[in-house]
Amino acid sequence: MTSQQSDDDAWKLEIVRCPISGERLMRADCDLLERLHLLALAGGLTTRVGETVPPPLEGGMLNQCQRWFYLERSHTLLLTADEAIDLQQLPAA
């Protein structure tokens, strides 16, 4: 990661908020991304409004209470309430 990229991330993390809870967002870790990717491959990952999320998962962010996950596609964060993934509704790991 370049210095410019980390500066961009820092700025985003200061400004961007979860549209559902209003909390700050943080980058999802690799373990969560892998779990979500496997669910997407199996067709078992859906958004808050029931739309199936297709693989691959490139990255994403979640709110501070770690309930809502927002996908990143083509370096764009999909930050709408309807596209949020409710992590409390996932099958047990």
PDB file of N, CA and C in Angstrom:
ATOM      1  N   MET A   1       0.851  -1.170   0.000  1.00  0.00           N
ATOM      2  CA  MET A   1       0.000   0.000   0.000  1.00  0.00           C
ATOM      3  C   MET A   1       0.900   1.236   0.000  1.00  0.00           C
ATOM      4  N   THR A   2       0.589   2.163  -0.845  1.00  0.00           N
ATOM      5  CA  THR A   2       1.394   3.371  -0.914  1.00  0.00           C
ATOM      6  C   THR A   2       0.957   4.353   0.156  1.00  0.00           C
ATOM      7  N   SER A   3       1.792   5.352   0.389  1.00  0.00           N
ATOM      8  CA  SER A   3       1.458   6.398   1.350  1.00  0.00           C
ATOM      9  C   SER A   3       0.181   7.113   0.944  1.00  0.00           C
ATOM     10  N   GLN A   4       0.019   7.344  -0.362  1.00  0.00           N
ATOM     11  CA  GLN A   4      -1.193   8.015  -0.857  1.00  0.00           C
ATOM     12  C   GLN A   4      -2.428   7.193  -0.552  1.00  0.00           C
ATOM     13  N   GLN A   5      -2.356   5.862  -0.740  1.00  0.00           N
ATOM     14  CA  GLN A   5      -3.501   5.004  -0.457  1.00  0.00           C
ATOM     15  C   GLN A   5      -3.855   5.035   1.020  1.00  0.00           C
ATOM     16  N   SER A   6      -2.851   4.976   1.902  1.00  0.00           N
ATOM     17  CA  SER A   6      -3.145   4.988   3.332  1.00  0.00           C
ATOM     18  C   SER A   6      -3.706   6.338   3.761  1.00  0.00           C
ATOM     19  N   ASP A   7      -3.260   7.441   3.145  1.00  0.00           N
ATOM     20  CA  ASP A   7      -3.834   8.758   3.418  1.00  0.00           C
ATOM     21  C   ASP A   7      -5.289   8.800   2.970  1.00  0.00           C
ATOM     22  N   ASP A   8      -5.580   8.215   1.801  1.00  0.00           N
ATOM     23  CA  ASP A   8      -6.956   8.164   1.303  1.00  0.00           C
ATOM     24  C   ASP A   8      -7.840   7.357   2.248  1.00  0.00           C
ATOM     25  N   ASP A   9      -7.347   6.217   2.721  1.00  0.00           N
ATOM     26  CA  ASP A   9      -8.108   5.396   3.658  1.00  0.00           C
ATOM     27  C   ASP A   9      -8.363   6.140   4.960  1.00  0.00           C
ATOM     28  N   ALA A  10      -7.354   6.809   5.481  1.00  0.00           N
ATOM     29  CA  ALA A  10      -7.513   7.546   6.731  1.00  0.00           C
ATOM     30  C   ALA A  10      -8.591   8.612   6.579  1.00  0.00           C
ATOM     31  N   TRP A  11      -8.587   9.308   5.473  1.00  0.00           N
ATOM     32  CA  TRP A  11      -9.589  10.350   5.223  1.00  0.00           C
ATOM     33  C   TRP A  11     -10.977   9.731   5.150  1.00  0.00           C
ATOM     34  N   LYS A  12     -11.106   8.631   4.421  1.00  0.00           N
ATOM     35  CA  LYS A  12     -12.406   7.961   4.297  1.00  0.00           C
ATOM     36  C   LYS A  12     -12.922   7.511   5.658  1.00  0.00           C
ATOM     37  N   LEU A  13     -12.044   6.927   6.461  1.00  0.00           N
ATOM     38  CA  LEU A  13     -12.457   6.411   7.752  1.00  0.00           C
ATOM     39  C   LEU A  13     -12.901   7.518   8.703  1.00  0.00           C
ATOM     40  N   GLU A  14     -12.401   8.725   8.506  1.00  0.00           N
ATOM     41  CA  GLU A  14     -12.829   9.864   9.324  1.00  0.00           C
ATOM     42  C   GLU A  14     -14.191  10.387   8.904  1.00  0.00           C
ATOM     43  N   ILE A  15     -14.497  10.327   7.623  1.00  0.00           N
ATOM     44  CA  ILE A  15     -15.696  10.958   7.073  1.00  0.00           C
ATOM     45  C   ILE A  15     -16.874   9.997   6.932  1.00  0.00           C
ATOM     46  N   VAL A  16     -16.622   8.818   6.395  1.00  0.00           N
ATOM     47  CA  VAL A  16     -17.687   7.881   6.026  1.00  0.00           C
ATOM     48  C   VAL A  16     -18.308   7.265   7.277  1.00  0.00           C
ATOM     49  N   ARG A  17     -19.625   7.148   7.257  1.00  0.00           N
ATOM     50  CA  ARG A  17     -20.372   6.561   8.371  1.00  0.00           C
ATOM     51  C   ARG A  17     -21.325   5.493   7.855  1.00  0.00           C
ATOM     52  N   CYS A  18     -21.677   4.586   8.734  1.00  0.00           N
ATOM     53  CA  CYS A  18     -22.669   3.563   8.428  1.00  0.00           C
ATOM     54  C   CYS A  18     -24.014   4.249   8.218  1.00  0.00           C
ATOM     55  N   PRO A  19     -24.673   4.010   7.072  1.00  0.00           N
ATOM     56  CA  PRO A  19     -25.954   4.670   6.834  1.00  0.00           C
ATOM     57  C   PRO A  19     -27.086   4.148   7.730  1.00  0.00           C
ATOM     58  N   ILE A  20     -26.873   3.025   8.383  1.00  0.00           N
ATOM     59  CA  ILE A  20     -27.905   2.473   9.255  1.00  0.00           C
ATOM     60  C   ILE A  20     -27.717   2.942  10.699  1.00  0.00           C
ATOM     61  N   SER A  21     -26.500   2.779  11.229  1.00  0.00           N
ATOM     62  CA  SER A  21     -26.259   3.088  12.644  1.00  0.00           C
ATOM     63  C   SER A  21     -25.636   4.463  12.874  1.00  0.00           C
ATOM     64  N   GLY A  22     -25.027   5.028  11.835  1.00  0.00           N
ATOM     65  CA  GLY A  22     -24.326   6.304  11.993  1.00  0.00           C
ATOM     66  C   GLY A  22     -22.932   6.156  12.581  1.00  0.00           C
ATOM     67  N   GLU A  23     -22.512   4.922  12.849  1.00  0.00           N
ATOM     68  CA  GLU A  23     -21.196   4.675  13.432  1.00  0.00           C
ATOM     69  C   GLU A  23     -20.094   4.800  12.381  1.00  0.00           C
ATOM     70  N   ARG A  24     -18.876   5.014  12.856  1.00  0.00           N
ATOM     71  CA  ARG A  24     -17.722   4.985  11.963  1.00  0.00           C
ATOM     72  C   ARG A  24     -17.548   3.583  11.408  1.00  0.00           C
ATOM     73  N   LEU A  25     -16.850   3.503  10.295  1.00  0.00           N
ATOM     74  CA  LEU A  25     -16.583   2.215   9.654  1.00  0.00           C
ATOM     75  C   LEU A  25     -15.117   1.842   9.804  1.00  0.00           C
ATOM     76  N   MET A  26     -14.857   0.552   9.724  1.00  0.00           N
ATOM     77  CA  MET A  26     -13.490   0.032   9.752  1.00  0.00           C
ATOM     78  C   MET A  26     -13.359  -1.039   8.694  1.00  0.00           C
ATOM     79  N   ARG A  27     -12.139  -1.270   8.259  1.00  0.00           N
ATOM     80  CA  ARG A  27     -11.870  -2.296   7.254  1.00  0.00           C
ATOM     81  C   ARG A  27     -12.153  -3.676   7.819  1.00  0.00           C
ATOM     82  N   ALA A  28     -12.763  -4.516   7.000  1.00  0.00           N
ATOM     83  CA  ALA A  28     -13.001  -5.908   7.390  1.00  0.00           C
ATOM     84  C   ALA A  28     -11.686  -6.682   7.338  1.00  0.00           C
ATOM     85  N   ASP A  29     -11.510  -7.601   8.270  1.00  0.00           N
ATOM     86  CA  ASP A  29     -10.273  -8.393   8.272  1.00  0.00           C
ATOM     87  C   ASP A  29     -10.393  -9.568   7.295  1.00  0.00           C
ATOM     88  N   CYS A  30      -9.276 -10.194   7.039  1.00  0.00           N
ATOM     89  CA  CYS A  30      -9.213 -11.283   6.047  1.00  0.00           C
ATOM     90  C   CYS A  30     -10.093 -12.466   6.428  1.00  0.00           C
ATOM     91  N   ASP A  31     -10.197 -12.773   7.711  1.00  0.00           N
ATOM     92  CA  ASP A  31     -11.011 -13.909   8.147  1.00  0.00           C
ATOM     93  C   ASP A  31     -12.485 -13.680   7.815  1.00  0.00           C
ATOM     94  N   LEU A  32     -12.981 -12.476   8.078  1.00  0.00           N
ATOM     95  CA  LEU A  32     -14.373 -12.165   7.763  1.00  0.00           C
ATOM     96  C   LEU A  32     -14.601 -12.197   6.256  1.00  0.00           C
ATOM     97  N   LEU A  33     -13.686 -11.609   5.499  1.00  0.00           N
ATOM     98  CA  LEU A  33     -13.831 -11.613   4.042  1.00  0.00           C
ATOM     99  C   LEU A  33     -13.857 -13.027   3.484  1.00  0.00           C
ATOM    100  N   GLU A  34     -13.012 -13.898   4.013  1.00  0.00           N
ATOM    101  CA  GLU A  34     -12.986 -15.287   3.544  1.00  0.00           C
ATOM    102  C   GLU A  34     -14.309 -15.988   3.875  1.00  0.00           C
ATOM    103  N   ARG A  35     -14.816 -15.781   5.075  1.00  0.00           N
ATOM    104  CA  ARG A  35     -16.088 -16.382   5.472  1.00  0.00           C
ATOM    105  C   ARG A  35     -17.230 -15.907   4.569  1.00  0.00           C
ATOM    106  N   LEU A  36     -17.275 -14.610   4.316  1.00  0.00           N
ATOM    107  CA  LEU A  36     -18.326 -14.061   3.453  1.00  0.00           C
ATOM    108  C   LEU A  36     -18.178 -14.553   2.019  1.00  0.00           C
ATOM    109  N   HIS A  37     -16.948 -14.654   1.547  1.00  0.00           N
ATOM    110  CA  HIS A  37     -16.696 -15.138   0.190  1.00  0.00           C
ATOM    111  C   HIS A  37     -17.195 -16.575   0.028  1.00  0.00           C
ATOM    112  N   LEU A  38     -16.926 -17.427   1.011  1.00  0.00           N
ATOM    113  CA  LEU A  38     -17.385 -18.816   0.949  1.00  0.00           C
ATOM    114  C   LEU A  38     -18.911 -18.891   0.950  1.00  0.00           C
ATOM    115  N   LEU A  39     -19.552 -18.043   1.744  1.00  0.00           N
ATOM    116  CA  LEU A  39     -21.015 -18.000   1.738  1.00  0.00           C
ATOM    117  C   LEU A  39     -21.543 -17.535   0.379  1.00  0.00           C
ATOM    118  N   ALA A  40     -20.867 -16.548  -0.206  1.00  0.00           N
ATOM    119  CA  ALA A  40     -21.288 -16.051  -1.525  1.00  0.00           C
ATOM    120  C   ALA A  40     -21.132 -17.141  -2.583  1.00  0.00           C
ATOM    121  N   LEU A  41     -20.039 -17.889  -2.525  1.00  0.00           N
ATOM    122  CA  LEU A  41     -19.835 -18.987  -3.477  1.00  0.00           C
ATOM    123  C   LEU A  41     -20.945 -20.024  -3.383  1.00  0.00           C
ATOM    124  N   ALA A  42     -21.442 -20.242  -2.171  1.00  0.00           N
ATOM    125  CA  ALA A  42     -22.505 -21.227  -1.959  1.00  0.00           C
ATOM    126  C   ALA A  42     -23.894 -20.647  -2.218  1.00  0.00           C
ATOM    127  N   GLY A  43     -23.945 -19.359  -2.558  1.00  0.00           N
ATOM    128  CA  GLY A  43     -25.234 -18.722  -2.816  1.00  0.00           C
ATOM    129  C   GLY A  43     -25.985 -18.338  -1.563  1.00  0.00           C
ATOM    130  N   GLY A  44     -25.294 -18.339  -0.425  1.00  0.00           N
ATOM    131  CA  GLY A  44     -25.955 -18.089   0.852  1.00  0.00           C
ATOM    132  C   GLY A  44     -25.702 -16.736   1.463  1.00  0.00           C
ATOM    133  N   LEU A  45     -25.211 -15.786   0.673  1.00  0.00           N
ATOM    134  CA  LEU A  45     -24.952 -14.448   1.199  1.00  0.00           C
ATOM    135  C   LEU A  45     -25.951 -13.482   0.575  1.00  0.00           C
ATOM    136  N   THR A  46     -26.707 -12.802   1.430  1.00  0.00           N
ATOM    137  CA  THR A  46     -27.720 -11.873   0.931  1.00  0.00           C
ATOM    138  C   THR A  46     -27.604 -10.518   1.606  1.00  0.00           C
ATOM    139  N   THR A  47     -28.122  -9.524   0.914  1.00  0.00           N
ATOM    140  CA  THR A  47     -28.155  -8.179   1.469  1.00  0.00           C
ATOM    141  C   THR A  47     -29.316  -8.049   2.442  1.00  0.00           C
ATOM    142  N   ARG A  48     -29.386  -6.928   3.046  1.00  0.00           N
ATOM    143  CA  ARG A  48     -30.437  -6.599   4.002  1.00  0.00           C
ATOM    144  C   ARG A  48     -31.839  -6.742   3.395  1.00  0.00           C
ATOM    145  N   VAL A  49     -31.951  -6.503   2.083  1.00  0.00           N
ATOM    146  CA  VAL A  49     -33.253  -6.599   1.417  1.00  0.00           C
ATOM    147  C   VAL A  49     -33.446  -7.920   0.673  1.00  0.00           C
ATOM    148  N   GLY A  50     -32.553  -8.890   0.914  1.00  0.00           N
ATOM    149  CA  GLY A  50     -32.744 -10.223   0.372  1.00  0.00           C
ATOM    150  C   GLY A  50     -32.129 -10.514  -0.978  1.00  0.00           C
ATOM    151  N   GLU A  51     -31.351  -9.585  -1.537  1.00  0.00           N
ATOM    152  CA  GLU A  51     -30.693  -9.838  -2.817  1.00  0.00           C
ATOM    153  C   GLU A  51     -29.444 -10.687  -2.599  1.00  0.00           C
ATOM    154  N   THR A  52     -29.256 -11.690  -3.454  1.00  0.00           N
ATOM    155  CA  THR A  52     -28.083 -12.554  -3.365  1.00  0.00           C
ATOM    156  C   THR A  52     -26.831 -11.779  -3.776  1.00  0.00           C
ATOM    157  N   VAL A  53     -25.769 -11.950  -2.996  1.00  0.00           N
ATOM    158  CA  VAL A  53     -24.498 -11.281  -3.261  1.00  0.00           C
ATOM    159  C   VAL A  53     -23.608 -12.240  -4.035  1.00  0.00           C
ATOM    160  N   PRO A  54     -23.230 -11.887  -5.270  1.00  0.00           N
ATOM    161  CA  PRO A  54     -22.374 -12.780  -6.055  1.00  0.00           C
ATOM    162  C   PRO A  54     -20.899 -12.621  -5.664  1.00  0.00           C
ATOM    163  N   PRO A  55     -20.136 -13.719  -5.777  1.00  0.00           N
ATOM    164  CA  PRO A  55     -18.692 -13.600  -5.584  1.00  0.00           C
ATOM    165  C   PRO A  55     -18.063 -12.950  -6.802  1.00  0.00           C
ATOM    166  N   PRO A  56     -16.857 -12.493  -6.738  1.00  0.00           N
ATOM    167  CA  PRO A  56     -15.964 -12.503  -5.583  1.00  0.00           C
ATOM    168  C   PRO A  56     -16.192 -11.285  -4.694  1.00  0.00           C
ATOM    169  N   LEU A  57     -15.722 -11.384  -3.473  1.00  0.00           N
ATOM    170  CA  LEU A  57     -15.733 -10.252  -2.555  1.00  0.00           C
ATOM    171  C   LEU A  57     -14.326  -9.671  -2.534  1.00  0.00           C
ATOM    172  N   GLU A  58     -14.199  -8.426  -2.941  1.00  0.00           N
ATOM    173  CA  GLU A  58     -12.886  -7.779  -3.044  1.00  0.00           C
ATOM    174  C   GLU A  58     -12.441  -7.163  -1.730  1.00  0.00           C
ATOM    175  N   GLY A  59     -13.388  -6.783  -0.930  1.00  0.00           N
ATOM    176  CA  GLY A  59     -13.088  -6.123   0.332  1.00  0.00           C
ATOM    177  C   GLY A  59     -14.358  -5.519   0.869  1.00  0.00           C
ATOM    178  N   GLY A  60     -14.218  -4.806   1.960  1.00  0.00           N
ATOM    179  CA  GLY A  60     -15.386  -4.160   2.517  1.00  0.00           C
ATOM    180  C   GLY A  60     -15.102  -3.550   3.872  1.00  0.00           C
ATOM    181  N   MET A  61     -16.147  -2.941   4.404  1.00  0.00           N
ATOM    182  CA  MET A  61     -16.046  -2.277   5.697  1.00  0.00           C
ATOM    183  C   MET A  61     -17.240  -2.681   6.545  1.00  0.00           C
ATOM    184  N   LEU A  62     -17.059  -2.561   7.850  1.00  0.00           N
ATOM    185  CA  LEU A  62     -18.155  -2.833   8.752  1.00  0.00           C
ATOM    186  C   LEU A  62     -18.218  -1.750   9.812  1.00  0.00           C
ATOM    187  N   ASN A  63     -19.398  -1.630  10.419  1.00  0.00           N
ATOM    188  CA  ASN A  63     -19.554  -0.590  11.424  1.00  0.00           C
ATOM    189  C   ASN A  63     -18.917  -1.025  12.738  1.00  0.00           C
ATOM    190  N   GLN A  64     -18.830  -0.099  13.690  1.00  0.00           N
ATOM    191  CA  GLN A  64     -18.093  -0.356  14.926  1.00  0.00           C
ATOM    192  C   GLN A  64     -18.682  -1.493  15.760  1.00  0.00           C
ATOM    193  N   CYS A  65     -19.993  -1.648  15.760  1.00  0.00           N
ATOM    194  CA  CYS A  65     -20.574  -2.754  16.537  1.00  0.00           C
ATOM    195  C   CYS A  65     -20.497  -4.072  15.767  1.00  0.00           C
ATOM    196  N   GLN A  66     -19.961  -4.015  14.568  1.00  0.00           N
ATOM    197  CA  GLN A  66     -19.697  -5.178  13.713  1.00  0.00           C
ATOM    198  C   GLN A  66     -20.960  -5.943  13.333  1.00  0.00           C
ATOM    199  N   ARG A  67     -22.026  -5.193  13.095  1.00  0.00           N
ATOM    200  CA  ARG A  67     -23.258  -5.820  12.620  1.00  0.00           C
ATOM    201  C   ARG A  67     -23.415  -5.669  11.118  1.00  0.00           C
ATOM    202  N   TRP A  68     -23.132  -4.496  10.570  1.00  0.00           N
ATOM    203  CA  TRP A  68     -23.394  -4.209   9.153  1.00  0.00           C
ATOM    204  C   TRP A  68     -22.104  -4.194   8.348  1.00  0.00           C
ATOM    205  N   PHE A  69     -22.102  -4.968   7.272  1.00  0.00           N
ATOM    206  CA  PHE A  69     -20.950  -5.066   6.365  1.00  0.00           C
ATOM    207  C   PHE A  69     -21.323  -4.425   5.029  1.00  0.00           C
ATOM    208  N   TYR A  70     -20.401  -3.658   4.479  1.00  0.00           N
ATOM    209  CA  TYR A  70     -20.598  -2.992   3.184  1.00  0.00           C
ATOM    210  C   TYR A  70     -19.518  -3.454   2.221  1.00  0.00           C
ATOM    211  N   LEU A  71     -19.945  -3.973   1.070  1.00  0.00           N
ATOM    212  CA  LEU A  71     -19.031  -4.495   0.055  1.00  0.00           C
ATOM    213  C   LEU A  71     -18.270  -3.394  -0.665  1.00  0.00           C
ATOM    214  N   GLU A  72     -17.110  -3.769  -1.120  1.00  0.00           N
ATOM    215  CA  GLU A  72     -16.320  -2.924  -2.007  1.00  0.00           C
ATOM    216  C   GLU A  72     -16.214  -3.668  -3.335  1.00  0.00           C
ATOM    217  N   ARG A  73     -16.614  -3.009  -4.406  1.00  0.00           N
ATOM    218  CA  ARG A  73     -16.529  -3.585  -5.758  1.00  0.00           C
ATOM    219  C   ARG A  73     -15.817  -2.590  -6.658  1.00  0.00           C
ATOM    220  N   SER A  74     -14.817  -3.055  -7.378  1.00  0.00           N
ATOM    221  CA  SER A  74     -14.036  -2.189  -8.280  1.00  0.00           C
ATOM    222  C   SER A  74     -13.566  -0.923  -7.562  1.00  0.00           C
ATOM    223  N   HIS A  75     -13.071  -1.102  -6.347  1.00  0.00           N
ATOM    224  CA  HIS A  75     -12.531  -0.012  -5.521  1.00  0.00           C
ATOM    225  C   HIS A  75     -13.582   1.016  -5.130  1.00  0.00           C
ATOM    226  N   THR A  76     -14.860   0.623  -5.189  1.00  0.00           N
ATOM    227  CA  THR A  76     -15.951   1.509  -4.803  1.00  0.00           C
ATOM    228  C   THR A  76     -16.726   0.872  -3.658  1.00  0.00           C
ATOM    229  N   LEU A  77     -16.870   1.600  -2.569  1.00  0.00           N
ATOM    230  CA  LEU A  77     -17.619   1.113  -1.430  1.00  0.00           C
ATOM    231  C   LEU A  77     -19.107   1.278  -1.707  1.00  0.00           C
ATOM    232  N   LEU A  78     -19.858   0.173  -1.611  1.00  0.00           N
ATOM    233  CA  LEU A  78     -21.300   0.196  -1.847  1.00  0.00           C
ATOM    234  C   LEU A  78     -21.978   0.539  -0.522  1.00  0.00           C
ATOM    235  N   LEU A  79     -22.163   1.811  -0.306  1.00  0.00           N
ATOM    236  CA  LEU A  79     -22.561   2.315   1.001  1.00  0.00           C
ATOM    237  C   LEU A  79     -24.014   2.770   1.018  1.00  0.00           C
ATOM    238  N   THR A  80     -24.907   1.834   0.719  1.00  0.00           N
ATOM    239  CA  THR A  80     -26.330   2.115   0.846  1.00  0.00           C
ATOM    240  C   THR A  80     -26.923   1.108   1.831  1.00  0.00           C
ATOM    241  N   ALA A  81     -27.934   1.538   2.554  1.00  0.00           N
ATOM    242  CA  ALA A  81     -28.541   0.667   3.563  1.00  0.00           C
ATOM    243  C   ALA A  81     -29.069  -0.620   2.946  1.00  0.00           C
ATOM    244  N   ASP A  82     -29.645  -0.552   1.752  1.00  0.00           N
ATOM    245  CA  ASP A  82     -30.206  -1.741   1.109  1.00  0.00           C
ATOM    246  C   ASP A  82     -29.140  -2.778   0.752  1.00  0.00           C
ATOM    247  N   GLU A  83     -27.917  -2.342   0.503  1.00  0.00           N
ATOM    248  CA  GLU A  83     -26.848  -3.271   0.112  1.00  0.00           C
ATOM    249  C   GLU A  83     -26.034  -3.775   1.294  1.00  0.00           C
ATOM    250  N   ALA A  84     -26.397  -3.367   2.493  1.00  0.00           N
ATOM    251  CA  ALA A  84     -25.697  -3.832   3.692  1.00  0.00           C
ATOM    252  C   ALA A  84     -25.967  -5.315   3.912  1.00  0.00           C
ATOM    253  N   ILE A  85     -24.983  -5.985   4.487  1.00  0.00           N
ATOM    254  CA  ILE A  85     -25.113  -7.393   4.850  1.00  0.00           C
ATOM    255  C   ILE A  85     -25.167  -7.455   6.373  1.00  0.00           C
ATOM    256  N   ASP A  86     -26.224  -8.054   6.893  1.00  0.00           N
ATOM    257  CA  ASP A  86     -26.423  -8.153   8.337  1.00  0.00           C
ATOM    258  C   ASP A  86     -25.610  -9.337   8.863  1.00  0.00           C
ATOM    259  N   LEU A  87     -24.515  -9.053   9.536  1.00  0.00           N
ATOM    260  CA  LEU A  87     -23.639 -10.110  10.011  1.00  0.00           C
ATOM    261  C   LEU A  87     -24.281 -10.931  11.130  1.00  0.00           C
ATOM    262  N   GLN A  88     -25.276 -10.383  11.804  1.00  0.00           N
ATOM    263  CA  GLN A  88     -25.977 -11.137  12.864  1.00  0.00           C
ATOM    264  C   GLN A  88     -26.874 -12.225  12.285  1.00  0.00           C
ATOM    265  N   GLN A  89     -27.164 -12.135  10.989  1.00  0.00           N
ATOM    266  CA  GLN A  89     -28.040 -13.112  10.337  1.00  0.00           C
ATOM    267  C   GLN A  89     -27.258 -14.246   9.651  1.00  0.00           C
ATOM    268  N   LEU A  90     -25.933 -14.204   9.735  1.00  0.00           N
ATOM    269  CA  LEU A  90     -25.117 -15.238   9.092  1.00  0.00           C
ATOM    270  C   LEU A  90     -25.193 -16.540   9.890  1.00  0.00           C
ATOM    271  N   PRO A  91     -25.043 -17.677   9.205  1.00  0.00           N
ATOM    272  CA  PRO A  91     -24.978 -18.942   9.933  1.00  0.00           C
ATOM    273  C   PRO A  91     -23.758 -18.961  10.863  1.00  0.00           C
ATOM    274  N   ALA A  92     -23.854 -19.696  11.932  1.00  0.00           N
ATOM    275  CA  ALA A  92     -22.737 -19.788  12.881  1.00  0.00           C
ATOM    276  C   ALA A  92     -21.509 -20.332  12.182  1.00  0.00           C
ATOM    277  N   ALA A  93     -20.367 -19.784  12.552  1.00  0.00           N
ATOM    278  CA  ALA A  93     -19.103 -20.200  11.921  1.00  0.00           C
ATOM    279  C   ALA A  93     -18.638 -21.536  12.444  1.00  0.00           C
TER     280      ALA A  93
END
